[in-house]
PDB file of all heavy atoms in Angstrom:
ATOM      1  N   VAL A   1      41.032  99.321  61.825  1.00  0.00           N
ATOM      2  CA  VAL A   1      40.217  99.008  63.002  1.00  0.00           C
ATOM      3  C   VAL A   1      40.806  97.805  63.736  1.00  0.00           C
ATOM      4  O   VAL A   1      40.917  97.791  64.967  1.00  0.00           O
ATOM      5  CB  VAL A   1      38.758  98.722  62.594  1.00  0.00           C
ATOM      6  CG1 VAL A   1      37.959  98.221  63.797  1.00  0.00           C
ATOM      7  CG2 VAL A   1      38.114  99.972  62.007  1.00  0.00           C
ATOM      8  N   GLU A   2      41.231  96.785  62.979  1.00  0.00           N
ATOM      9  CA  GLU A   2      41.814  95.589  63.579  1.00  0.00           C
ATOM     10  C   GLU A   2      43.109  95.923  64.320  1.00  0.00           C
ATOM     11  O   GLU A   2      43.350  95.426  65.424  1.00  0.00           O
ATOM     12  CB  GLU A   2      42.092  94.543  62.498  1.00  0.00           C
ATOM     13  CG  GLU A   2      40.834  93.969  61.862  1.00  0.00           C
ATOM     14  CD  GLU A   2      41.157  93.001  60.747  1.00  0.00           C
ATOM     15  OE1 GLU A   2      42.353  92.745  60.495  1.00  0.00           O
ATOM     16  OE2 GLU A   2      40.210  92.485  60.113  1.00  0.00           O
ATOM     17  N   ILE A   3      43.938  96.767  63.707  1.00  0.00           N
ATOM     18  CA  ILE A   3      45.204  97.141  64.347  1.00  0.00           C
ATOM     19  C   ILE A   3      44.942  97.970  65.596  1.00  0.00           C
ATOM     20  O   ILE A   3      45.615  97.795  66.623  1.00  0.00           O
ATOM     21  CB  ILE A   3      46.097  97.920  63.353  1.00  0.00           C
ATOM     22  CG1 ILE A   3      46.530  97.013  62.197  1.00  0.00           C
ATOM     23  CG2 ILE A   3      47.321  98.475  64.068  1.00  0.00           C
ATOM     24  CD1 ILE A   3      47.413  95.853  62.617  1.00  0.00           C
ATOM     25  N   ARG A   4      43.960  98.864  65.537  1.00  0.00           N
ATOM     26  CA  ARG A   4      43.619  99.658  66.717  1.00  0.00           C
ATOM     27  C   ARG A   4      43.137  98.761  67.851  1.00  0.00           C
ATOM     28  O   ARG A   4      43.525  98.941  69.013  1.00  0.00           O
ATOM     29  CB  ARG A   4      42.557 100.700  66.370  1.00  0.00           C
ATOM     30  CG  ARG A   4      42.194 101.599  67.563  1.00  0.00           C
ATOM     31  CD  ARG A   4      41.316 102.755  67.179  1.00  0.00           C
ATOM     32  NE  ARG A   4      39.998 102.327  66.735  1.00  0.00           N
ATOM     33  CZ  ARG A   4      39.558 102.444  65.487  1.00  0.00           C
ATOM     34  NH1 ARG A   4      40.327 102.971  64.549  1.00  0.00           N
ATOM     35  NH2 ARG A   4      38.340 102.035  65.151  1.00  0.00           N
ATOM     36  N   GLU A   5      42.311  97.785  67.516  1.00  0.00           N
ATOM     37  CA  GLU A   5      41.818  96.850  68.526  1.00  0.00           C
ATOM     38  C   GLU A   5      42.965  96.020  69.103  1.00  0.00           C
ATOM     39  O   GLU A   5      42.991  95.735  70.310  1.00  0.00           O
ATOM     40  CB  GLU A   5      40.748  95.943  67.917  1.00  0.00           C
ATOM     41  CG  GLU A   5      39.451  96.679  67.601  1.00  0.00           C
ATOM     42  CD  GLU A   5      38.434  95.786  66.916  1.00  0.00           C
ATOM     43  OE1 GLU A   5      38.796  94.655  66.510  1.00  0.00           O
ATOM     44  OE2 GLU A   5      37.265  96.218  66.772  1.00  0.00           O
ATOM     45  N   LEU A   6      43.906  95.622  68.241  1.00  0.00           N
ATOM     46  CA  LEU A   6      45.079  94.873  68.711  1.00  0.00           C
ATOM     47  C   LEU A   6      45.901  95.713  69.672  1.00  0.00           C
ATOM     48  O   LEU A   6      46.301  95.247  70.747  1.00  0.00           O
ATOM     49  CB  LEU A   6      45.942  94.446  67.519  1.00  0.00           C
ATOM     50  CG  LEU A   6      47.305  93.833  67.854  1.00  0.00           C
ATOM     51  CD1 LEU A   6      47.146  92.555  68.664  1.00  0.00           C
ATOM     52  CD2 LEU A   6      48.110  93.582  66.577  1.00  0.00           C
ATOM     53  N   CYS A   7      46.134  96.955  69.312  1.00  0.00           N
ATOM     54  CA  CYS A   7      46.908  97.850  70.161  1.00  0.00           C
ATOM     55  C   CYS A   7      46.234  98.021  71.516  1.00  0.00           C
ATOM     56  O   CYS A   7      46.882  97.907  72.562  1.00  0.00           O
ATOM     57  CB  CYS A   7      47.078  99.200  69.471  1.00  0.00           C
ATOM     58  SG  CYS A   7      48.006 100.410  70.431  1.00  0.00           S
ATOM     59  N   ASN A   8      44.932  98.261  71.509  1.00  0.00           N
ATOM     60  CA  ASN A   8      44.197  98.442  72.764  1.00  0.00           C
ATOM     61  C   ASN A   8      44.232  97.176  73.610  1.00  0.00           C
ATOM     62  O   ASN A   8      44.348  97.236  74.839  1.00  0.00           O
ATOM     63  CB  ASN A   8      42.754  98.846  72.478  1.00  0.00           C
ATOM     64  CG  ASN A   8      42.630 100.239  71.887  1.00  0.00           C
ATOM     65  OD1 ASN A   8      43.529 101.064  72.037  1.00  0.00           O
ATOM     66  ND2 ASN A   8      41.528 100.511  71.200  1.00  0.00           N
ATOM     67  N   ALA A   9      44.155  96.021  72.935  1.00  0.00           N
ATOM     68  CA  ALA A   9      44.183  94.752  73.651  1.00  0.00           C
ATOM     69  C   ALA A   9      45.542  94.522  74.310  1.00  0.00           C
ATOM     70  O   ALA A   9      45.618  94.018  75.439  1.00  0.00           O
ATOM     71  CB  ALA A   9      43.843  93.601  72.709  1.00  0.00           C
ATOM     72  N   LEU A  10      46.604  94.897  73.623  1.00  0.00           N
ATOM     73  CA  LEU A  10      47.949  94.736  74.186  1.00  0.00           C
ATOM     74  C   LEU A  10      48.148  95.664  75.386  1.00  0.00           C
ATOM     75  O   LEU A  10      48.741  95.270  76.390  1.00  0.00           O
ATOM     76  CB  LEU A  10      49.005  95.024  73.120  1.00  0.00           C
ATOM     77  CG  LEU A  10      49.131  93.985  71.997  1.00  0.00           C
ATOM     78  CD1 LEU A  10      50.100  94.472  70.929  1.00  0.00           C
ATOM     79  CD2 LEU A  10      49.590  92.639  72.548  1.00  0.00           C
ATOM     80  N   VAL A  11      47.641  96.882  75.283  1.00  0.00           N
ATOM     81  CA  VAL A  11      47.720  97.824  76.403  1.00  0.00           C
ATOM     82  C   VAL A  11      46.972  97.269  77.608  1.00  0.00           C
ATOM     83  O   VAL A  11      47.482  97.265  78.738  1.00  0.00           O
ATOM     84  CB  VAL A  11      47.159  99.205  75.988  1.00  0.00           C
ATOM     85  CG1 VAL A  11      46.953 100.100  77.218  1.00  0.00           C
ATOM     86  CG2 VAL A  11      48.094  99.881  74.988  1.00  0.00           C
ATOM     87  N   ASP A  12      45.761  96.770  77.374  1.00  0.00           N
ATOM     88  CA  ASP A  12      44.964  96.207  78.471  1.00  0.00           C
ATOM     89  C   ASP A  12      45.647  94.988  79.078  1.00  0.00           C
ATOM     90  O   ASP A  12      45.634  94.805  80.306  1.00  0.00           O
ATOM     91  CB  ASP A  12      43.572  95.820  77.966  1.00  0.00           C
ATOM     92  CG  ASP A  12      42.703  97.022  77.632  1.00  0.00           C
ATOM     93  OD1 ASP A  12      43.034  98.140  78.090  1.00  0.00           O
ATOM     94  OD2 ASP A  12      41.705  96.852  76.902  1.00  0.00           O
ATOM     95  N   TRP A  13      46.234  94.149  78.229  1.00  0.00           N
ATOM     96  CA  TRP A  13      46.908  92.933  78.702  1.00  0.00           C
ATOM     97  C   TRP A  13      48.106  93.278  79.579  1.00  0.00           C
ATOM     98  O   TRP A  13      48.297  92.675  80.639  1.00  0.00           O
ATOM     99  CB  TRP A  13      47.340  92.099  77.506  1.00  0.00           C
ATOM    100  CG  TRP A  13      48.026  90.814  77.871  1.00  0.00           C
ATOM    101  CD1 TRP A  13      47.440  89.643  78.266  1.00  0.00           C
ATOM    102  CD2 TRP A  13      49.445  90.577  77.878  1.00  0.00           C
ATOM    103  NE1 TRP A  13      48.407  88.690  78.515  1.00  0.00           N
ATOM    104  CE2 TRP A  13      49.629  89.230  78.285  1.00  0.00           C
ATOM    105  CE3 TRP A  13      50.550  91.360  77.563  1.00  0.00           C
ATOM    106  CZ2 TRP A  13      50.913  88.662  78.398  1.00  0.00           C
ATOM    107  CZ3 TRP A  13      51.820  90.798  77.678  1.00  0.00           C
ATOM    108  CH2 TRP A  13      51.989  89.468  78.087  1.00  0.00           C
ATOM    109  N   LEU A  14      48.893  94.266  79.158  1.00  0.00           N
ATOM    110  CA  LEU A  14      50.032  94.687  79.962  1.00  0.00           C
ATOM    111  C   LEU A  14      49.580  95.197  81.331  1.00  0.00           C
ATOM    112  O   LEU A  14      50.156  94.826  82.359  1.00  0.00           O
ATOM    113  CB  LEU A  14      50.825  95.774  79.237  1.00  0.00           C
ATOM    114  CG  LEU A  14      51.765  95.318  78.126  1.00  0.00           C
ATOM    115  CD1 LEU A  14      52.335  96.539  77.394  1.00  0.00           C
ATOM    116  CD2 LEU A  14      52.894  94.471  78.674  1.00  0.00           C
ATOM    117  N   ARG A  15      48.561  96.028  81.346  1.00  0.00           N
ATOM    118  CA  ARG A  15      48.055  96.550  82.617  1.00  0.00           C
ATOM    119  C   ARG A  15      47.590  95.411  83.522  1.00  0.00           C
ATOM    120  O   ARG A  15      47.871  95.389  84.725  1.00  0.00           O
ATOM    121  CB  ARG A  15      46.891  97.508  82.358  1.00  0.00           C
ATOM    122  CG  ARG A  15      47.309  98.853  81.769  1.00  0.00           C
ATOM    123  CD  ARG A  15      46.086  99.656  81.423  1.00  0.00           C
ATOM    124  NE  ARG A  15      46.436 100.973  80.890  1.00  0.00           N
ATOM    125  CZ  ARG A  15      45.620 101.692  80.124  1.00  0.00           C
ATOM    126  NH1 ARG A  15      44.415 101.219  79.815  1.00  0.00           N
ATOM    127  NH2 ARG A  15      45.998 102.873  79.677  1.00  0.00           N
ATOM    128  N   GLU A  16      46.880  94.463  82.937  1.00  0.00           N
ATOM    129  CA  GLU A  16      46.341  93.340  83.712  1.00  0.00           C
ATOM    130  C   GLU A  16      47.469  92.515  84.332  1.00  0.00           C
ATOM    131  O   GLU A  16      47.416  92.185  85.529  1.00  0.00           O
ATOM    132  CB  GLU A  16      45.488  92.465  82.795  1.00  0.00           C
ATOM    133  CG  GLU A  16      44.942  91.215  83.467  1.00  0.00           C
ATOM    134  CD  GLU A  16      44.226  90.302  82.478  1.00  0.00           C
ATOM    135  OE1 GLU A  16      43.926  90.740  81.344  1.00  0.00           O
ATOM    136  OE2 GLU A  16      43.973  89.143  82.841  1.00  0.00           O
ATOM    137  N   LYS A  17      48.485  92.173  83.542  1.00  0.00           N
ATOM    138  CA  LYS A  17      49.558  91.317  84.025  1.00  0.00           C
ATOM    139  C   LYS A  17      50.430  92.028  85.054  1.00  0.00           C
ATOM    140  O   LYS A  17      50.891  91.414  86.028  1.00  0.00           O
ATOM    141  CB  LYS A  17      50.408  90.813  82.859  1.00  0.00           C
ATOM    142  CG  LYS A  17      49.653  89.891  81.911  1.00  0.00           C
ATOM    143  CD  LYS A  17      49.024  88.735  82.662  1.00  0.00           C
ATOM    144  CE  LYS A  17      48.137  87.881  81.787  1.00  0.00           C
ATOM    145  NZ  LYS A  17      47.422  86.836  82.574  1.00  0.00           N
ATOM    146  N   VAL A  18      50.670  93.295  84.850  1.00  0.00           N
ATOM    147  CA  VAL A  18      51.446  94.066  85.824  1.00  0.00           C
ATOM    148  C   VAL A  18      50.666  94.184  87.131  1.00  0.00           C
ATOM    149  O   VAL A  18      51.229  94.024  88.221  1.00  0.00           O
ATOM    150  CB  VAL A  18      51.813  95.448  85.249  1.00  0.00           C
ATOM    151  CG1 VAL A  18      52.315  96.391  86.340  1.00  0.00           C
ATOM    152  CG2 VAL A  18      52.870  95.292  84.148  1.00  0.00           C
ATOM    153  N   HIS A  19      49.365  94.438  87.034  1.00  0.00           N
ATOM    154  CA  HIS A  19      48.521  94.530  88.235  1.00  0.00           C
ATOM    155  C   HIS A  19      48.493  93.197  88.978  1.00  0.00           C
ATOM    156  O   HIS A  19      48.589  93.167  90.220  1.00  0.00           O
ATOM    157  CB  HIS A  19      47.109  94.949  87.846  1.00  0.00           C
ATOM    158  CG  HIS A  19      46.146  94.986  88.998  1.00  0.00           C
ATOM    159  ND1 HIS A  19      46.174  95.977  89.958  1.00  0.00           N
ATOM    160  CD2 HIS A  19      45.141  94.134  89.353  1.00  0.00           C
ATOM    161  CE1 HIS A  19      45.233  95.736  90.853  1.00  0.00           C
ATOM    162  NE2 HIS A  19      44.595  94.627  90.509  1.00  0.00           N
ATOM    163  N   GLU A  20      48.370  92.092  88.234  1.00  0.00           N
ATOM    164  CA  GLU A  20      48.334  90.766  88.858  1.00  0.00           C
ATOM    165  C   GLU A  20      49.614  90.491  89.649  1.00  0.00           C
ATOM    166  O   GLU A  20      49.585  89.787  90.666  1.00  0.00           O
ATOM    167  CB  GLU A  20      48.147  89.685  87.795  1.00  0.00           C
ATOM    168  CG  GLU A  20      46.751  89.601  87.216  1.00  0.00           C
ATOM    169  CD  GLU A  20      46.642  88.574  86.104  1.00  0.00           C
ATOM    170  OE1 GLU A  20      47.675  87.941  85.774  1.00  0.00           O
ATOM    171  OE2 GLU A  20      45.532  88.383  85.572  1.00  0.00           O
ATOM    172  N   ALA A  21      50.726  91.023  89.164  1.00  0.00           N
ATOM    173  CA  ALA A  21      52.012  90.796  89.825  1.00  0.00           C
ATOM    174  C   ALA A  21      52.241  91.756  90.994  1.00  0.00           C
ATOM    175  O   ALA A  21      53.280  91.676  91.662  1.00  0.00           O
ATOM    176  CB  ALA A  21      53.149  90.938  88.811  1.00  0.00           C
ATOM    177  N   GLY A  22      51.299  92.670  91.222  1.00  0.00           N
ATOM    178  CA  GLY A  22      51.474  93.654  92.267  1.00  0.00           C
ATOM    179  C   GLY A  22      52.546  94.680  91.949  1.00  0.00           C
ATOM    180  O   GLY A  22      53.116  95.300  92.858  1.00  0.00           O
ATOM    181  N   ALA A  23      52.823  94.864  90.657  1.00  0.00           N
ATOM    182  CA  ALA A  23      53.844  95.819  90.213  1.00  0.00           C
ATOM    183  C   ALA A  23      53.194  97.137  89.806  1.00  0.00           C
ATOM    184  O   ALA A  23      51.958  97.255  89.732  1.00  0.00           O
ATOM    185  CB  ALA A  23      54.650  95.234  89.061  1.00  0.00           C
ATOM    186  N   ARG A  24      54.032  98.146  89.556  1.00  0.00           N
ATOM    187  CA  ARG A  24      53.550  99.492  89.259  1.00  0.00           C
ATOM    188  C   ARG A  24      53.598  99.855  87.785  1.00  0.00           C
ATOM    189  O   ARG A  24      52.898 100.763  87.335  1.00  0.00           O
ATOM    190  CB  ARG A  24      54.383 100.530  90.025  1.00  0.00           C
ATOM    191  CG  ARG A  24      54.292 100.454  91.525  1.00  0.00           C
ATOM    192  CD  ARG A  24      55.243 101.452  92.186  1.00  0.00           C
ATOM    193  NE  ARG A  24      55.092 102.807  91.654  1.00  0.00           N
ATOM    194  CZ  ARG A  24      56.042 103.442  90.950  1.00  0.00           C
ATOM    195  NH1 ARG A  24      57.200 102.859  90.684  1.00  0.00           N
ATOM    196  NH2 ARG A  24      55.831 104.666  90.529  1.00  0.00           N
ATOM    197  N   GLY A  25      54.488  99.208  87.025  1.00  0.00           N
ATOM    198  CA  GLY A  25      54.681  99.611  85.647  1.00  0.00           C
ATOM    199  C   GLY A  25      55.675  98.708  84.947  1.00  0.00           C
ATOM    200  O   GLY A  25      55.824  97.533  85.297  1.00  0.00           O
ATOM    201  N   ALA A  26      56.384  99.264  83.957  1.00  0.00           N
ATOM    202  CA  ALA A  26      57.213  98.449  83.083  1.00  0.00           C
ATOM    203  C   ALA A  26      58.554  99.115  82.791  1.00  0.00           C
ATOM    204  O   ALA A  26      58.645 100.336  82.660  1.00  0.00           O
ATOM    205  CB  ALA A  26      56.482  98.196  81.763  1.00  0.00           C
ATOM    206  N   VAL A  27      59.578  98.290  82.671  1.00  0.00           N
ATOM    207  CA  VAL A  27      60.887  98.728  82.191  1.00  0.00           C
ATOM    208  C   VAL A  27      61.245  97.873  80.981  1.00  0.00           C
ATOM    209  O   VAL A  27      60.912  96.685  80.934  1.00  0.00           O
ATOM    210  CB  VAL A  27      61.960  98.631  83.294  1.00  0.00           C
ATOM    211  CG1 VAL A  27      62.144  97.203  83.781  1.00  0.00           C
ATOM    212  CG2 VAL A  27      63.291  99.203  82.812  1.00  0.00           C
ATOM    213  N   PHE A  28      61.896  98.472  80.008  1.00  0.00           N
ATOM    214  CA  PHE A  28      62.179  97.786  78.751  1.00  0.00           C
ATOM    215  C   PHE A  28      63.412  98.399  78.122  1.00  0.00           C
ATOM    216  O   PHE A  28      63.783  99.544  78.412  1.00  0.00           O
ATOM    217  CB  PHE A  28      60.986  97.898  77.786  1.00  0.00           C
ATOM    218  CG  PHE A  28      60.419  99.286  77.717  1.00  0.00           C
ATOM    219  CD1 PHE A  28      60.921 100.237  76.837  1.00  0.00           C
ATOM    220  CD2 PHE A  28      59.401  99.671  78.583  1.00  0.00           C
ATOM    221  CE1 PHE A  28      60.417 101.522  76.816  1.00  0.00           C
ATOM    222  CE2 PHE A  28      58.887 100.963  78.570  1.00  0.00           C
ATOM    223  CZ  PHE A  28      59.394 101.892  77.682  1.00  0.00           C
ATOM    224  N   GLY A  29      64.060  97.638  77.256  1.00  0.00           N
ATOM    225  CA  GLY A  29      65.202  98.156  76.528  1.00  0.00           C
ATOM    226  C   GLY A  29      64.767  98.893  75.280  1.00  0.00           C
ATOM    227  O   GLY A  29      63.837  98.469  74.585  1.00  0.00           O
ATOM    228  N   LEU A  30      65.427 100.013  74.999  1.00  0.00           N
ATOM    229  CA  LEU A  30      65.213 100.756  73.752  1.00  0.00           C
ATOM    230  C   LEU A  30      66.483 100.653  72.929  1.00  0.00           C
ATOM    231  O   LEU A  30      67.502 101.244  73.270  1.00  0.00           O
ATOM    232  CB  LEU A  30      64.885 102.222  74.047  1.00  0.00           C
ATOM    233  CG  LEU A  30      63.467 102.542  74.513  1.00  0.00           C
ATOM    234  CD1 LEU A  30      63.354 104.021  74.867  1.00  0.00           C
ATOM    235  CD2 LEU A  30      62.444 102.179  73.437  1.00  0.00           C
ATOM    236  N   SER A  31      66.412  99.892  71.846  1.00  0.00           N
ATOM    237  CA  SER A  31      67.603  99.605  71.055  1.00  0.00           C
ATOM    238  C   SER A  31      67.737 100.466  69.812  1.00  0.00           C
ATOM    239  O   SER A  31      68.779 100.464  69.161  1.00  0.00           O
ATOM    240  CB  SER A  31      67.593  98.134  70.627  1.00  0.00           C
ATOM    241  OG  SER A  31      66.529  97.905  69.700  1.00  0.00           O
TER     242      SER A  31
END
């Protein structure tokens, strides 16, 4: 339950920060 809540919180945080920046989404490296 704690890990699920952490995952959901990280998803929400990413959406919030991207929205605040006026951006559309995310790019990242896959190593």
